[in-house]
Amino acid sequence: MLAILSIKGTLFSVILILSAMPAAVNAVILAEEYDAAPKLVSRCILWTTLASFIVLPAMIGFL
């Protein structure tokens, strides 16, 4: 997608790494506040954090 948008250089690297980052913990706080499936949001954060141990080094190695 970044290549289609003609994004290159440092901006390409930054966007690629940020897209591989785990979900934000703030989402759990908002989900609890508005009663919008906080358990599901917590599981998403758990799994994206665990996946980031594999995905982030792979993305950095790709650069």
PDB file of N, CA and C in Angstrom:
ATOM      1  N   MET A   1       0.819  -1.190   0.000  1.00  0.00           N
ATOM      2  CA  MET A   1       0.000   0.000   0.000  1.00  0.00           C
ATOM      3  C   MET A   1       0.864   1.256   0.000  1.00  0.00           C
ATOM      4  N   LEU A   2       1.954   1.226   0.754  1.00  0.00           N
ATOM      5  CA  LEU A   2       2.824   2.398   0.803  1.00  0.00           C
ATOM      6  C   LEU A   2       3.461   2.658  -0.559  1.00  0.00           C
ATOM      7  N   ALA A   3       3.789   1.592  -1.277  1.00  0.00           N
ATOM      8  CA  ALA A   3       4.369   1.757  -2.611  1.00  0.00           C
ATOM      9  C   ALA A   3       3.356   2.356  -3.575  1.00  0.00           C
ATOM     10  N   ILE A   4       2.097   1.968  -3.428  1.00  0.00           N
ATOM     11  CA  ILE A   4       1.044   2.515  -4.284  1.00  0.00           C
ATOM     12  C   ILE A   4       0.888   4.010  -4.049  1.00  0.00           C
ATOM     13  N   LEU A   5       1.070   4.431  -2.812  1.00  0.00           N
ATOM     14  CA  LEU A   5       0.952   5.851  -2.464  1.00  0.00           C
ATOM     15  C   LEU A   5       2.243   6.624  -2.730  1.00  0.00           C
ATOM     16  N   SER A   6       3.249   5.954  -3.267  1.00  0.00           N
ATOM     17  CA  SER A   6       4.558   6.567  -3.580  1.00  0.00           C
ATOM     18  C   SER A   6       5.244   7.135  -2.344  1.00  0.00           C
ATOM     19  N   ILE A   7       5.103   6.448  -1.223  1.00  0.00           N
ATOM     20  CA  ILE A   7       5.768   6.878   0.005  1.00  0.00           C
ATOM     21  C   ILE A   7       7.119   6.188   0.064  1.00  0.00           C
ATOM     22  N   LYS A   8       8.163   6.967   0.280  1.00  0.00           N
ATOM     23  CA  LYS A   8       9.519   6.423   0.275  1.00  0.00           C
ATOM     24  C   LYS A   8      10.339   7.042   1.405  1.00  0.00           C
ATOM     25  N   GLY A   9      11.514   6.501   1.597  1.00  0.00           N
ATOM     26  CA  GLY A   9      12.465   7.066   2.546  1.00  0.00           C
ATOM     27  C   GLY A   9      12.094   6.842   3.994  1.00  0.00           C
ATOM     28  N   THR A  10      12.406   7.838   4.800  1.00  0.00           N
ATOM     29  CA  THR A  10      12.192   7.749   6.243  1.00  0.00           C
ATOM     30  C   THR A  10      10.710   7.625   6.586  1.00  0.00           C
ATOM     31  N   LEU A  11       9.864   8.329   5.863  1.00  0.00           N
ATOM     32  CA  LEU A  11       8.428   8.258   6.122  1.00  0.00           C
ATOM     33  C   LEU A  11       7.920   6.838   5.892  1.00  0.00           C
ATOM     34  N   PHE A  12       8.410   6.160   4.862  1.00  0.00           N
ATOM     35  CA  PHE A  12       8.051   4.768   4.595  1.00  0.00           C
ATOM     36  C   PHE A  12       8.419   3.900   5.791  1.00  0.00           C
ATOM     37  N   SER A  13       9.633   4.066   6.294  1.00  0.00           N
ATOM     38  CA  SER A  13      10.100   3.267   7.438  1.00  0.00           C
ATOM     39  C   SER A  13       9.255   3.517   8.678  1.00  0.00           C
ATOM     40  N   VAL A  14       8.955   4.752   8.956  1.00  0.00           N
ATOM     41  CA  VAL A  14       8.185   5.106  10.150  1.00  0.00           C
ATOM     42  C   VAL A  14       6.771   4.525  10.072  1.00  0.00           C
ATOM     43  N   ILE A  15       6.118   4.683   8.939  1.00  0.00           N
ATOM     44  CA  ILE A  15       4.752   4.175   8.797  1.00  0.00           C
ATOM     45  C   ILE A  15       4.732   2.656   8.871  1.00  0.00           C
ATOM     46  N   LEU A  16       5.713   1.999   8.270  1.00  0.00           N
ATOM     47  CA  LEU A  16       5.779   0.544   8.290  1.00  0.00           C
ATOM     48  C   LEU A  16       5.940   0.016   9.711  1.00  0.00           C
ATOM     49  N   ILE A  17       6.834   0.619  10.480  1.00  0.00           N
ATOM     50  CA  ILE A  17       7.064   0.171  11.859  1.00  0.00           C
ATOM     51  C   ILE A  17       5.849   0.472  12.736  1.00  0.00           C
ATOM     52  N   LEU A  18       5.254   1.649  12.582  1.00  0.00           N
ATOM     53  CA  LEU A  18       4.078   1.986  13.391  1.00  0.00           C
ATOM     54  C   LEU A  18       2.901   1.071  13.080  1.00  0.00           C
ATOM     55  N   SER A  19       2.781   0.625  11.853  1.00  0.00           N
ATOM     56  CA  SER A  19       1.677  -0.273  11.508  1.00  0.00           C
ATOM     57  C   SER A  19       1.851  -1.652  12.128  1.00  0.00           C
ATOM     58  N   ALA A  20       3.080  -2.011  12.508  1.00  0.00           N
ATOM     59  CA  ALA A  20       3.346  -3.309  13.121  1.00  0.00           C
ATOM     60  C   ALA A  20       3.284  -3.263  14.648  1.00  0.00           C
ATOM     61  N   MET A  21       3.041  -2.101  15.212  1.00  0.00           N
ATOM     62  CA  MET A  21       2.989  -1.960  16.661  1.00  0.00           C
ATOM     63  C   MET A  21       1.695  -2.547  17.221  1.00  0.00           C
ATOM     64  N   PRO A  22       1.721  -3.004  18.481  1.00  0.00           N
ATOM     65  CA  PRO A  22       0.504  -3.556  19.085  1.00  0.00           C
ATOM     66  C   PRO A  22      -0.554  -2.485  19.328  1.00  0.00           C
ATOM     67  N   ALA A  23      -1.777  -2.954  19.547  1.00  0.00           N
ATOM     68  CA  ALA A  23      -2.896  -2.040  19.809  1.00  0.00           C
ATOM     69  C   ALA A  23      -2.644  -1.235  21.087  1.00  0.00           C
ATOM     70  N   ALA A  24      -3.185  -0.051  21.144  1.00  0.00           N
ATOM     71  CA  ALA A  24      -2.969   0.841  22.286  1.00  0.00           C
ATOM     72  C   ALA A  24      -3.797   0.413  23.499  1.00  0.00           C
ATOM     73  N   VAL A  25      -3.221   0.569  24.655  1.00  0.00           N
ATOM     74  CA  VAL A  25      -3.906   0.207  25.899  1.00  0.00           C
ATOM     75  C   VAL A  25      -5.046   1.178  26.195  1.00  0.00           C
ATOM     76  N   ASN A  26      -4.983   2.374  25.659  1.00  0.00           N
ATOM     77  CA  ASN A  26      -6.059   3.346  25.875  1.00  0.00           C
ATOM     78  C   ASN A  26      -7.400   2.813  25.389  1.00  0.00           C
ATOM     79  N   ALA A  27      -7.369   1.892  24.428  1.00  0.00           N
ATOM     80  CA  ALA A  27      -8.613   1.330  23.908  1.00  0.00           C
ATOM     81  C   ALA A  27      -9.375   0.579  24.993  1.00  0.00           C
ATOM     82  N   VAL A  28      -8.668  -0.085  25.902  1.00  0.00           N
ATOM     83  CA  VAL A  28      -9.335  -0.800  27.001  1.00  0.00           C
ATOM     84  C   VAL A  28     -10.031   0.187  27.922  1.00  0.00           C
ATOM     85  N   ILE A  29      -9.381   1.270  28.205  1.00  0.00           N
ATOM     86  CA  ILE A  29      -9.977   2.283  29.094  1.00  0.00           C
ATOM     87  C   ILE A  29     -11.259   2.830  28.471  1.00  0.00           C
ATOM     88  N   LEU A  30     -11.202   3.139  27.179  1.00  0.00           N
ATOM     89  CA  LEU A  30     -12.406   3.650  26.509  1.00  0.00           C
ATOM     90  C   LEU A  30     -13.492   2.581  26.426  1.00  0.00           C
ATOM     91  N   ALA A  31     -13.102   1.339  26.162  1.00  0.00           N
ATOM     92  CA  ALA A  31     -14.089   0.259  26.085  1.00  0.00           C
ATOM     93  C   ALA A  31     -14.779   0.044  27.426  1.00  0.00           C
ATOM     94  N   GLU A  32     -14.034   0.144  28.511  1.00  0.00           N
ATOM     95  CA  GLU A  32     -14.647  -0.005  29.836  1.00  0.00           C
ATOM     96  C   GLU A  32     -15.549   1.180  30.157  1.00  0.00           C
ATOM     97  N   GLU A  33     -15.102   2.354  29.802  1.00  0.00           N
ATOM     98  CA  GLU A  33     -15.877   3.561  30.090  1.00  0.00           C
ATOM     99  C   GLU A  33     -17.230   3.547  29.380  1.00  0.00           C
ATOM    100  N   TYR A  34     -17.231   3.101  28.133  1.00  0.00           N
ATOM    101  CA  TYR A  34     -18.456   3.110  27.331  1.00  0.00           C
ATOM    102  C   TYR A  34     -19.088   1.732  27.185  1.00  0.00           C
ATOM    103  N   ASP A  35     -18.636   0.767  27.990  1.00  0.00           N
ATOM    104  CA  ASP A  35     -19.171  -0.590  27.996  1.00  0.00           C
ATOM    105  C   ASP A  35     -19.254  -1.161  26.575  1.00  0.00           C
ATOM    106  N   ALA A  36     -18.121  -1.124  25.896  1.00  0.00           N
ATOM    107  CA  ALA A  36     -18.046  -1.575  24.500  1.00  0.00           C
ATOM    108  C   ALA A  36     -17.078  -2.750  24.374  1.00  0.00           C
ATOM    109  N   ALA A  37     -17.442  -3.899  24.927  1.00  0.00           N
ATOM    110  CA  ALA A  37     -16.683  -5.152  24.839  1.00  0.00           C
ATOM    111  C   ALA A  37     -15.241  -5.019  25.343  1.00  0.00           C
ATOM    112  N   PRO A  38     -15.052  -4.644  26.608  1.00  0.00           N
ATOM    113  CA  PRO A  38     -13.691  -4.484  27.122  1.00  0.00           C
ATOM    114  C   PRO A  38     -12.883  -5.781  27.149  1.00  0.00           C
ATOM    115  N   LYS A  39     -13.550  -6.925  27.305  1.00  0.00           N
ATOM    116  CA  LYS A  39     -12.812  -8.194  27.300  1.00  0.00           C
ATOM    117  C   LYS A  39     -12.241  -8.487  25.925  1.00  0.00           C
ATOM    118  N   LEU A  40     -13.007  -8.211  24.885  1.00  0.00           N
ATOM    119  CA  LEU A  40     -12.520  -8.401  23.526  1.00  0.00           C
ATOM    120  C   LEU A  40     -11.342  -7.476  23.238  1.00  0.00           C
ATOM    121  N   VAL A  41     -11.458  -6.241  23.649  1.00  0.00           N
ATOM    122  CA  VAL A  41     -10.381  -5.273  23.435  1.00  0.00           C
ATOM    123  C   VAL A  41      -9.127  -5.706  24.186  1.00  0.00           C
ATOM    124  N   SER A  42      -9.288  -6.203  25.405  1.00  0.00           N
ATOM    125  CA  SER A  42      -8.139  -6.676  26.184  1.00  0.00           C
ATOM    126  C   SER A  42      -7.446  -7.840  25.488  1.00  0.00           C
ATOM    127  N   ARG A  43      -8.234  -8.762  24.932  1.00  0.00           N
ATOM    128  CA  ARG A  43      -7.643  -9.895  24.210  1.00  0.00           C
ATOM    129  C   ARG A  43      -6.909  -9.424  22.956  1.00  0.00           C
ATOM    130  N   CYS A  44      -7.464  -8.449  22.270  1.00  0.00           N
ATOM    131  CA  CYS A  44      -6.798  -7.906  21.078  1.00  0.00           C
ATOM    132  C   CYS A  44      -5.447  -7.301  21.443  1.00  0.00           C
ATOM    133  N   ILE A  45      -5.405  -6.585  22.543  1.00  0.00           N
ATOM    134  CA  ILE A  45      -4.145  -5.985  22.992  1.00  0.00           C
ATOM    135  C   ILE A  45      -3.148  -7.074  23.363  1.00  0.00           C
ATOM    136  N   LEU A  46      -3.617  -8.100  24.065  1.00  0.00           N
ATOM    137  CA  LEU A  46      -2.731  -9.203  24.433  1.00  0.00           C
ATOM    138  C   LEU A  46      -2.131  -9.849  23.194  1.00  0.00           C
ATOM    139  N   TRP A  47      -2.962 -10.220  22.232  1.00  0.00           N
ATOM    140  CA  TRP A  47      -2.463 -10.934  21.056  1.00  0.00           C
ATOM    141  C   TRP A  47      -1.612 -10.058  20.147  1.00  0.00           C
ATOM    142  N   THR A  48      -1.952  -8.783  20.008  1.00  0.00           N
ATOM    143  CA  THR A  48      -1.111  -7.929  19.172  1.00  0.00           C
ATOM    144  C   THR A  48       0.230  -7.656  19.838  1.00  0.00           C
ATOM    145  N   THR A  49       0.248  -7.594  21.156  1.00  0.00           N
ATOM    146  CA  THR A  49       1.514  -7.413  21.867  1.00  0.00           C
ATOM    147  C   THR A  49       2.394  -8.650  21.712  1.00  0.00           C
ATOM    148  N   LEU A  50       1.808  -9.828  21.855  1.00  0.00           N
ATOM    149  CA  LEU A  50       2.574 -11.060  21.676  1.00  0.00           C
ATOM    150  C   LEU A  50       3.077 -11.191  20.232  1.00  0.00           C
ATOM    151  N   ALA A  51       2.238 -10.854  19.279  1.00  0.00           N
ATOM    152  CA  ALA A  51       2.647 -10.935  17.872  1.00  0.00           C
ATOM    153  C   ALA A  51       3.742  -9.932  17.540  1.00  0.00           C
ATOM    154  N   SER A  52       3.774  -8.824  18.250  1.00  0.00           N
ATOM    155  CA  SER A  52       4.775  -7.796  17.952  1.00  0.00           C
ATOM    156  C   SER A  52       6.196  -8.269  18.241  1.00  0.00           C
ATOM    157  N   PHE A  53       6.344  -9.281  19.109  1.00  0.00           N
ATOM    158  CA  PHE A  53       7.679  -9.817  19.370  1.00  0.00           C
ATOM    159  C   PHE A  53       8.257 -10.497  18.127  1.00  0.00           C
ATOM    160  N   ILE A  54       7.386 -10.939  17.244  1.00  0.00           N
ATOM    161  CA  ILE A  54       7.829 -11.576  15.998  1.00  0.00           C
ATOM    162  C   ILE A  54       7.772 -10.589  14.832  1.00  0.00           C
ATOM    163  N   VAL A  55       6.696  -9.843  14.757  1.00  0.00           N
ATOM    164  CA  VAL A  55       6.455  -8.973  13.607  1.00  0.00           C
ATOM    165  C   VAL A  55       7.418  -7.780  13.572  1.00  0.00           C
ATOM    166  N   LEU A  56       7.632  -7.129  14.697  1.00  0.00           N
ATOM    167  CA  LEU A  56       8.495  -5.941  14.701  1.00  0.00           C
ATOM    168  C   LEU A  56       9.930  -6.237  14.272  1.00  0.00           C
ATOM    169  N   PRO A  57      10.594  -7.257  14.821  1.00  0.00           N
ATOM    170  CA  PRO A  57      11.943  -7.547  14.320  1.00  0.00           C
ATOM    171  C   PRO A  57      11.965  -7.902  12.838  1.00  0.00           C
ATOM    172  N   ALA A  58      10.911  -8.590  12.373  1.00  0.00           N
ATOM    173  CA  ALA A  58      10.842  -8.926  10.949  1.00  0.00           C
ATOM    174  C   ALA A  58      10.707  -7.659  10.096  1.00  0.00           C
ATOM    175  N   MET A  59       9.873  -6.741  10.535  1.00  0.00           N
ATOM    176  CA  MET A  59       9.708  -5.492   9.782  1.00  0.00           C
ATOM    177  C   MET A  59      10.975  -4.643   9.798  1.00  0.00           C
ATOM    178  N   ILE A  60      11.627  -4.588  10.939  1.00  0.00           N
ATOM    179  CA  ILE A  60      12.880  -3.820  11.028  1.00  0.00           C
ATOM    180  C   ILE A  60      13.939  -4.474  10.163  1.00  0.00           C
ATOM    181  N   GLY A  61      13.979  -5.812  10.147  1.00  0.00           N
ATOM    182  CA  GLY A  61      14.921  -6.516   9.286  1.00  0.00           C
ATOM    183  C   GLY A  61      14.642  -6.300   7.823  1.00  0.00           C
ATOM    184  N   PHE A  62      13.362  -6.118   7.473  1.00  0.00           N
ATOM    185  CA  PHE A  62      12.957  -5.864   6.102  1.00  0.00           C
ATOM    186  C   PHE A  62      13.484  -4.520   5.610  1.00  0.00           C
ATOM    187  N   LEU A  63      13.577  -3.567   6.516  1.00  0.00           N
ATOM    188  CA  LEU A  63      14.023  -2.226   6.136  1.00  0.00           C
ATOM    189  C   LEU A  63      15.507  -2.268   5.839  1.00  0.00           C
TER     190      LEU A  63
END
